Amino acid sequence: MFTSSKLGDVAARSILDAIKQGTWLPGDMLPSQRDLADQLGISRPPLREAISVLVALGFLRSHPGKGVFVVSTDPQGEVASAAVPQARPEDVFQLRLALEPFVVGLVAQSIDAEELMQLRLTVLDMREALDANDTSAAVEADILFHRQLVGFSRNPVFKQVMEQASEAIGHARDIMLARPQEMRAALSEKETILRAIKAHDSAAASAAMQQHIINAGERLGIPIRGA
């Protein structure tokens, strides 16, 4: 599995297959996200997630203001992300509670204008999906927000740890799909996190993320030890 969502996984594999079949060669720019999402029959949040993973694996490179380009059809050191054996949702939430508040504090210090715009677009996608009663797209945007933050930390170890937890995160996604009425609270919490990041307030961003993860665990009925 490449990503923490089913649609993101399908998109990543479709793009990778096209690269390996020569549809796009090294140096080629991918279609716009709108056009590529239409071609794949998905919304933009899972597409962004797929692109983020392929960038991390070395197949793609994103140039802010220009587009996403193919780098290689077989990058050196490619590794397949493996699910953590017997990882339970409560184990993953415990990991997130330890990791993500620290990560978001780092991001608040170092985030640039392009990265901030990406986070804002993801939150906007989540709001628009909820307004359209598209719970699946809202959940994909919810998951992508967290993945983007880990990516913006610029720490490959953080990325790998979260990739390894993807199966259990996917299980939590299935629970969220069954409880769409609780997604509005998650959106509000993400907006609070985003405001703190925009203000470069590391302490406020970390505190907001910690509370968000605790609240998310409670909403999903997942006990978090030490919360």
C-alpha atoms as a PDB file:
ATOM      1  CA  MET A   1       0.000   0.000   0.000  1.00  0.00           C
ATOM      2  CA  PHE A   2       1.333   3.458  -0.921  1.00  0.00           C
ATOM      3  CA  THR A   3      -1.041   5.708   0.987  1.00  0.00           C
ATOM      4  CA  SER A   4      -3.352   5.771   3.983  1.00  0.00           C
ATOM      5  CA  SER A   5      -6.500   5.870   1.802  1.00  0.00           C
ATOM      6  CA  LYS A   6      -7.925   3.515  -0.781  1.00  0.00           C
ATOM      7  CA  LEU A   7      -8.449   6.205  -3.415  1.00  0.00           C
ATOM      8  CA  GLY A   8      -4.989   7.606  -2.809  1.00  0.00           C
ATOM      9  CA  ASP A   9      -3.513   4.143  -3.183  1.00  0.00           C
ATOM     10  CA  VAL A  10      -5.313   3.567  -6.490  1.00  0.00           C
ATOM     11  CA  ALA A  11      -4.210   6.977  -7.768  1.00  0.00           C
ATOM     12  CA  ALA A  12      -0.569   6.401  -6.795  1.00  0.00           C
ATOM     13  CA  ARG A  13      -0.488   3.027  -8.510  1.00  0.00           C
ATOM     14  CA  SER A  14      -2.200   4.407 -11.634  1.00  0.00           C
ATOM     15  CA  ILE A  15       0.300   7.263 -11.932  1.00  0.00           C
ATOM     16  CA  LEU A  16       3.226   4.934 -11.279  1.00  0.00           C
ATOM     17  CA  ASP A  17       1.970   2.449 -13.888  1.00  0.00           C
ATOM     18  CA  ALA A  18       1.695   5.256 -16.443  1.00  0.00           C
ATOM     19  CA  ILE A  19       5.241   6.399 -15.670  1.00  0.00           C
ATOM     20  CA  LYS A  20       6.661   2.901 -16.008  1.00  0.00           C
ATOM     21  CA  GLN A  21       4.731   2.361 -19.265  1.00  0.00           C
ATOM     22  CA  GLY A  22       6.217   5.526 -20.737  1.00  0.00           C
ATOM     23  CA  THR A  23       3.084   7.683 -20.744  1.00  0.00           C
ATOM     24  CA  TRP A  24       5.181  10.306 -18.974  1.00  0.00           C
ATOM     25  CA  LEU A  25       8.967  10.283 -19.290  1.00  0.00           C
ATOM     26  CA  PRO A  26      11.590  11.782 -16.970  1.00  0.00           C
ATOM     27  CA  GLY A  27      11.399  15.547 -17.374  1.00  0.00           C
ATOM     28  CA  ASP A  28       7.718  15.523 -18.409  1.00  0.00           C
ATOM     29  CA  MET A  29       5.242  17.583 -16.449  1.00  0.00           C
ATOM     30  CA  LEU A  30       2.079  15.847 -15.248  1.00  0.00           C
ATOM     31  CA  PRO A  31      -1.310  17.308 -16.201  1.00  0.00           C
ATOM     32  CA  SER A  32      -2.821  19.849 -13.828  1.00  0.00           C
ATOM     33  CA  GLN A  33      -4.317  18.401 -10.650  1.00  0.00           C
ATOM     34  CA  ARG A  34      -7.806  19.214 -11.905  1.00  0.00           C
ATOM     35  CA  ASP A  35      -7.247  17.402 -15.215  1.00  0.00           C
ATOM     36  CA  LEU A  36      -5.432  14.466 -13.628  1.00  0.00           C
ATOM     37  CA  ALA A  37      -8.145  14.042 -10.994  1.00  0.00           C
ATOM     38  CA  ASP A  38     -10.751  13.991 -13.783  1.00  0.00           C
ATOM     39  CA  GLN A  39      -8.740  11.401 -15.714  1.00  0.00           C
ATOM     40  CA  LEU A  40      -8.462   9.149 -12.667  1.00  0.00           C
ATOM     41  CA  GLY A  41     -12.064   9.720 -11.578  1.00  0.00           C
ATOM     42  CA  ILE A  42     -11.181  10.936  -8.090  1.00  0.00           C
ATOM     43  CA  SER A  43     -11.242  14.173  -6.109  1.00  0.00           C
ATOM     44  CA  ARG A  44      -8.146  16.288  -5.561  1.00  0.00           C
ATOM     45  CA  PRO A  45      -7.367  15.351  -1.903  1.00  0.00           C
ATOM     46  CA  PRO A  46      -6.500  11.692  -2.636  1.00  0.00           C
ATOM     47  CA  LEU A  47      -4.639  12.802  -5.772  1.00  0.00           C
ATOM     48  CA  ARG A  48      -2.513  15.201  -3.717  1.00  0.00           C
ATOM     49  CA  GLU A  49      -1.836  12.401  -1.266  1.00  0.00           C
ATOM     50  CA  ALA A  50      -0.738  10.103  -4.102  1.00  0.00           C
ATOM     51  CA  ILE A  51       1.554  12.773  -5.539  1.00  0.00           C
ATOM     52  CA  SER A  52       3.090  13.431  -2.121  1.00  0.00           C
ATOM     53  CA  VAL A  53       3.950   9.755  -1.710  1.00  0.00           C
ATOM     54  CA  LEU A  54       5.427   9.469  -5.219  1.00  0.00           C
ATOM     55  CA  VAL A  55       7.514  12.569  -4.528  1.00  0.00           C
ATOM     56  CA  ALA A  56       8.782  10.961  -1.319  1.00  0.00           C
ATOM     57  CA  LEU A  57       9.654   7.780  -3.224  1.00  0.00           C
ATOM     58  CA  GLY A  58      11.614   9.725  -5.826  1.00  0.00           C
ATOM     59  CA  PHE A  59       9.393   9.256  -8.874  1.00  0.00           C
ATOM     60  CA  LEU A  60       8.103  12.840  -8.965  1.00  0.00           C
ATOM     61  CA  ARG A  61       9.283  16.298  -7.997  1.00  0.00           C
ATOM     62  CA  SER A  62       7.030  19.254  -7.257  1.00  0.00           C
ATOM     63  CA  HIS A  63       8.176  22.699  -8.398  1.00  0.00           C
ATOM     64  CA  PRO A  64       6.018  25.389  -6.709  1.00  0.00           C
ATOM     65  CA  GLY A  65       4.366  27.647  -9.236  1.00  0.00           C
ATOM     66  CA  LYS A  66       5.307  25.370 -12.132  1.00  0.00           C
ATOM     67  CA  GLY A  67       3.931  21.878 -11.665  1.00  0.00           C
ATOM     68  CA  VAL A  68       4.791  18.279 -10.876  1.00  0.00           C
ATOM     69  CA  PHE A  69       7.486  16.607 -12.970  1.00  0.00           C
ATOM     70  CA  VAL A  70       8.577  13.024 -13.501  1.00  0.00           C
ATOM     71  CA  VAL A  71      12.068  12.464 -12.098  1.00  0.00           C
ATOM     72  CA  SER A  72      12.672   8.752 -12.644  1.00  0.00           C
ATOM     73  CA  THR A  73      10.969   5.546 -13.720  1.00  0.00           C
ATOM     74  CA  ASP A  74      12.972   3.491 -11.223  1.00  0.00           C
ATOM     75  CA  PRO A  75      14.518   5.664  -8.511  1.00  0.00           C
ATOM     76  CA  GLN A  76      17.440   4.449  -6.472  1.00  0.00           C
ATOM     77  CA  GLY A  77      16.535   3.226  -3.033  1.00  0.00           C
ATOM     78  CA  GLU A  78      12.839   2.790  -3.688  1.00  0.00           C
ATOM     79  CA  VAL A  79      11.194   1.035  -0.775  1.00  0.00           C
ATOM     80  CA  ALA A  80       7.683  -0.282  -0.415  1.00  0.00           C
ATOM     81  CA  SER A  81       5.861   0.932   2.644  1.00  0.00           C
ATOM     82  CA  ALA A  82       4.903  -1.898   4.923  1.00  0.00           C
ATOM     83  CA  ALA A  83       2.106  -1.915   7.435  1.00  0.00           C
ATOM     84  CA  VAL A  84       3.085  -2.244  11.074  1.00  0.00           C
ATOM     85  CA  PRO A  85       2.359  -5.875  12.075  1.00  0.00           C
ATOM     86  CA  GLN A  86      -0.759  -6.131  14.243  1.00  0.00           C
ATOM     87  CA  ALA A  87      -0.944  -2.361  14.651  1.00  0.00           C
ATOM     88  CA  ARG A  88      -4.196  -1.412  16.351  1.00  0.00           C
ATOM     89  CA  PRO A  89      -5.906   1.959  15.887  1.00  0.00           C
ATOM     90  CA  GLU A  90      -5.201   2.810  19.542  1.00  0.00           C
ATOM     91  CA  ASP A  91      -1.505   2.085  18.950  1.00  0.00           C
ATOM     92  CA  VAL A  92      -1.461   4.441  15.972  1.00  0.00           C
ATOM     93  CA  PHE A  93      -3.257   7.199  17.880  1.00  0.00           C
ATOM     94  CA  GLN A  94      -0.728   6.828  20.696  1.00  0.00           C
ATOM     95  CA  LEU A  95       2.031   7.276  18.119  1.00  0.00           C
ATOM     96  CA  ARG A  96       0.290  10.295  16.628  1.00  0.00           C
ATOM     97  CA  LEU A  97      -0.154  11.908  20.052  1.00  0.00           C
ATOM     98  CA  ALA A  98       3.578  11.592  20.651  1.00  0.00           C
ATOM     99  CA  LEU A  99       4.682  12.641  17.159  1.00  0.00           C
ATOM    100  CA  GLU A 100       2.291  15.069  15.495  1.00  0.00           C
ATOM    101  CA  PRO A 101       2.239  17.911  18.071  1.00  0.00           C
ATOM    102  CA  PHE A 102       6.042  18.024  17.817  1.00  0.00           C
ATOM    103  CA  VAL A 103       5.887  17.887  14.012  1.00  0.00           C
ATOM    104  CA  VAL A 104       3.370  20.708  13.729  1.00  0.00           C
ATOM    105  CA  GLY A 105       5.522  22.841  16.030  1.00  0.00           C
ATOM    106  CA  LEU A 106       8.436  22.389  13.646  1.00  0.00           C
ATOM    107  CA  VAL A 107       6.252  23.145  10.641  1.00  0.00           C
ATOM    108  CA  ALA A 108       4.940  26.351  12.223  1.00  0.00           C
ATOM    109  CA  GLN A 109       8.532  27.578  12.448  1.00  0.00           C
ATOM    110  CA  SER A 110       9.665  26.694   8.934  1.00  0.00           C
ATOM    111  CA  ILE A 111       6.598  26.606   6.653  1.00  0.00           C
ATOM    112  CA  ASP A 112       6.847  28.610   3.434  1.00  0.00           C
ATOM    113  CA  ALA A 113       4.118  30.346   1.437  1.00  0.00           C
ATOM    114  CA  GLU A 114       3.613  27.455  -0.999  1.00  0.00           C
ATOM    115  CA  GLU A 115       3.260  24.875   1.768  1.00  0.00           C
ATOM    116  CA  LEU A 116       0.857  27.101   3.672  1.00  0.00           C
ATOM    117  CA  MET A 117      -1.250  27.437   0.523  1.00  0.00           C
ATOM    118  CA  GLN A 118      -1.349  23.649   0.148  1.00  0.00           C
ATOM    119  CA  LEU A 119      -2.629  23.266   3.712  1.00  0.00           C
ATOM    120  CA  ARG A 120      -5.243  25.970   3.157  1.00  0.00           C
ATOM    121  CA  LEU A 121      -6.444  24.270  -0.034  1.00  0.00           C
ATOM    122  CA  THR A 122      -6.764  20.952   1.781  1.00  0.00           C
ATOM    123  CA  VAL A 123      -8.838  22.511   4.562  1.00  0.00           C
ATOM    124  CA  LEU A 124     -10.950  24.263   1.919  1.00  0.00           C
ATOM    125  CA  ASP A 125     -11.434  20.934   0.110  1.00  0.00           C
ATOM    126  CA  MET A 126     -12.620  19.407   3.377  1.00  0.00           C
ATOM    127  CA  ARG A 127     -15.101  22.236   3.994  1.00  0.00           C
ATOM    128  CA  GLU A 128     -16.464  22.090   0.441  1.00  0.00           C
ATOM    129  CA  ALA A 129     -16.821  18.303   0.641  1.00  0.00           C
ATOM    130  CA  LEU A 130     -18.788  18.566   3.884  1.00  0.00           C
ATOM    131  CA  ASP A 131     -20.999  21.286   2.404  1.00  0.00           C
ATOM    132  CA  ALA A 132     -21.689  18.914  -0.509  1.00  0.00           C
ATOM    133  CA  ASN A 133     -22.341  15.968   1.864  1.00  0.00           C
ATOM    134  CA  ASP A 134     -19.415  14.126   0.281  1.00  0.00           C
ATOM    135  CA  THR A 135     -18.133  12.347   3.378  1.00  0.00           C
ATOM    136  CA  SER A 136     -15.588  10.271   1.491  1.00  0.00           C
ATOM    137  CA  ALA A 137     -13.869  13.334  -0.001  1.00  0.00           C
ATOM    138  CA  ALA A 138     -13.964  15.075   3.398  1.00  0.00           C
ATOM    139  CA  VAL A 139     -12.226  12.126   5.044  1.00  0.00           C
ATOM    140  CA  GLU A 140      -9.587  12.008   2.298  1.00  0.00           C
ATOM    141  CA  ALA A 141      -8.870  15.712   2.882  1.00  0.00           C
ATOM    142  CA  ASP A 142      -8.743  15.109   6.637  1.00  0.00           C
ATOM    143  CA  ILE A 143      -6.089  12.414   6.242  1.00  0.00           C
ATOM    144  CA  LEU A 144      -4.150  14.422   3.653  1.00  0.00           C
ATOM    145  CA  PHE A 145      -3.856  17.391   6.040  1.00  0.00           C
ATOM    146  CA  HIS A 146      -1.918  15.243   8.499  1.00  0.00           C
ATOM    147  CA  ARG A 147       0.243  13.691   5.794  1.00  0.00           C
ATOM    148  CA  GLN A 148       1.125  17.124   4.437  1.00  0.00           C
ATOM    149  CA  LEU A 149       2.250  18.284   7.869  1.00  0.00           C
ATOM    150  CA  VAL A 150       4.537  15.278   8.265  1.00  0.00           C
ATOM    151  CA  GLY A 151       5.928  15.928   4.786  1.00  0.00           C
ATOM    152  CA  PHE A 152       6.508  19.620   5.506  1.00  0.00           C
ATOM    153  CA  SER A 153       8.605  18.680   8.537  1.00  0.00           C
ATOM    154  CA  ARG A 154      11.312  17.730   5.997  1.00  0.00           C
ATOM    155  CA  ASN A 155      12.221  14.744   8.177  1.00  0.00           C
ATOM    156  CA  PRO A 156      12.212  11.463   6.202  1.00  0.00           C
ATOM    157  CA  VAL A 157      12.099   9.391   9.381  1.00  0.00           C
ATOM    158  CA  PHE A 158       8.767  10.961  10.373  1.00  0.00           C
ATOM    159  CA  LYS A 159       7.451  10.215   6.886  1.00  0.00           C
ATOM    160  CA  GLN A 160       8.487   6.575   7.027  1.00  0.00           C
ATOM    161  CA  VAL A 161       6.955   6.028  10.464  1.00  0.00           C
ATOM    162  CA  MET A 162       3.607   7.390   9.296  1.00  0.00           C
ATOM    163  CA  GLU A 163       3.774   5.368   6.082  1.00  0.00           C
ATOM    164  CA  GLN A 164       4.256   2.208   8.122  1.00  0.00           C
ATOM    165  CA  ALA A 165       1.133   3.008  10.114  1.00  0.00           C
ATOM    166  CA  SER A 166      -0.970   3.431   6.973  1.00  0.00           C
ATOM    167  CA  GLU A 167      -3.057   0.265   7.395  1.00  0.00           C
ATOM    168  CA  ALA A 168      -4.244   1.190  10.871  1.00  0.00           C
ATOM    169  CA  ILE A 169      -4.859   4.792   9.770  1.00  0.00           C
ATOM    170  CA  GLY A 170      -6.990   3.365   6.974  1.00  0.00           C
ATOM    171  CA  HIS A 171      -9.031   1.498   9.583  1.00  0.00           C
ATOM    172  CA  ALA A 172      -9.672   4.773  11.399  1.00  0.00           C
ATOM    173  CA  ARG A 173     -10.745   6.227   8.032  1.00  0.00           C
ATOM    174  CA  ASP A 174     -13.436   3.525   7.758  1.00  0.00           C
ATOM    175  CA  ILE A 175     -14.763   4.510  11.185  1.00  0.00           C
ATOM    176  CA  MET A 176     -14.902   8.185  10.146  1.00  0.00           C
ATOM    177  CA  LEU A 177     -16.885   7.298   7.030  1.00  0.00           C
ATOM    178  CA  ALA A 178     -19.530   5.754   9.283  1.00  0.00           C
ATOM    179  CA  ARG A 179     -19.771   8.925  11.428  1.00  0.00           C
ATOM    180  CA  PRO A 180     -20.046  11.882   9.021  1.00  0.00           C
ATOM    181  CA  GLN A 181     -21.823  14.053  11.597  1.00  0.00           C
ATOM    182  CA  GLU A 182     -18.574  14.339  13.576  1.00  0.00           C
ATOM    183  CA  MET A 183     -16.469  15.640  10.693  1.00  0.00           C
ATOM    184  CA  ARG A 184     -17.489  19.273  11.290  1.00  0.00           C
ATOM    185  CA  ALA A 185     -15.733  19.229  14.648  1.00  0.00           C
ATOM    186  CA  ALA A 186     -12.595  17.827  12.999  1.00  0.00           C
ATOM    187  CA  LEU A 187     -12.732  20.616  10.403  1.00  0.00           C
ATOM    188  CA  SER A 188     -12.988  23.304  13.075  1.00  0.00           C
ATOM    189  CA  GLU A 189      -9.989  21.848  14.895  1.00  0.00           C
ATOM    190  CA  LYS A 190      -7.931  21.800  11.714  1.00  0.00           C
ATOM    191  CA  GLU A 191      -8.790  25.434  11.072  1.00  0.00           C
ATOM    192  CA  THR A 192      -7.480  26.246  14.558  1.00  0.00           C
ATOM    193  CA  ILE A 193      -4.236  24.376  13.812  1.00  0.00           C
ATOM    194  CA  LEU A 194      -3.919  26.177  10.479  1.00  0.00           C
ATOM    195  CA  ARG A 195      -4.348  29.611  12.072  1.00  0.00           C
ATOM    196  CA  ALA A 196      -1.569  28.840  14.560  1.00  0.00           C
ATOM    197  CA  ILE A 197       0.721  27.650  11.770  1.00  0.00           C
ATOM    198  CA  LYS A 198      -0.006  30.773   9.718  1.00  0.00           C
ATOM    199  CA  ALA A 199       0.962  32.878  12.747  1.00  0.00           C
ATOM    200  CA  HIS A 200       4.169  30.824  13.146  1.00  0.00           C
ATOM    201  CA  ASP A 201       3.061  30.099  16.736  1.00  0.00           C
ATOM    202  CA  SER A 202       4.700  26.751  17.471  1.00  0.00           C
ATOM    203  CA  ALA A 203       3.312  26.392  20.986  1.00  0.00           C
ATOM    204  CA  ALA A 204      -0.272  27.113  19.933  1.00  0.00           C
ATOM    205  CA  ALA A 205      -0.002  24.806  16.914  1.00  0.00           C
ATOM    206  CA  SER A 206       1.351  21.952  19.042  1.00  0.00           C
ATOM    207  CA  ALA A 207      -1.340  22.420  21.694  1.00  0.00           C
ATOM    208  CA  ALA A 208      -4.079  22.550  19.053  1.00  0.00           C
ATOM    209  CA  MET A 209      -2.811  19.371  17.399  1.00  0.00           C
ATOM    210  CA  GLN A 210      -2.582  17.538  20.712  1.00  0.00           C
ATOM    211  CA  GLN A 211      -6.171  18.456  21.545  1.00  0.00           C
ATOM    212  CA  HIS A 212      -7.314  17.534  18.042  1.00  0.00           C
ATOM    213  CA  ILE A 213      -5.842  14.025  18.293  1.00  0.00           C
ATOM    214  CA  ILE A 214      -7.362  13.495  21.755  1.00  0.00           C
ATOM    215  CA  ASN A 215     -10.750  14.693  20.484  1.00  0.00           C
ATOM    216  CA  ALA A 216     -10.475  12.533  17.355  1.00  0.00           C
ATOM    217  CA  GLY A 217      -9.779   9.467  19.475  1.00  0.00           C
ATOM    218  CA  GLU A 218     -12.820  10.203  21.633  1.00  0.00           C
ATOM    219  CA  ARG A 219     -15.026  10.735  18.578  1.00  0.00           C
ATOM    220  CA  LEU A 220     -13.915   7.410  17.112  1.00  0.00           C
ATOM    221  CA  GLY A 221     -14.160   5.530  20.378  1.00  0.00           C
ATOM    222  CA  ILE A 222     -10.424   4.817  20.341  1.00  0.00           C
ATOM    223  CA  PRO A 223      -8.784   4.947  23.788  1.00  0.00           C
ATOM    224  CA  ILE A 224      -5.484   6.833  23.897  1.00  0.00           C
ATOM    225  CA  ARG A 225      -3.232   5.917  26.806  1.00  0.00           C
ATOM    226  CA  GLY A 226      -1.751   8.950  28.517  1.00  0.00           C
ATOM    227  CA  ALA A 227      -4.207  11.399  26.926  1.00  0.00           C
END
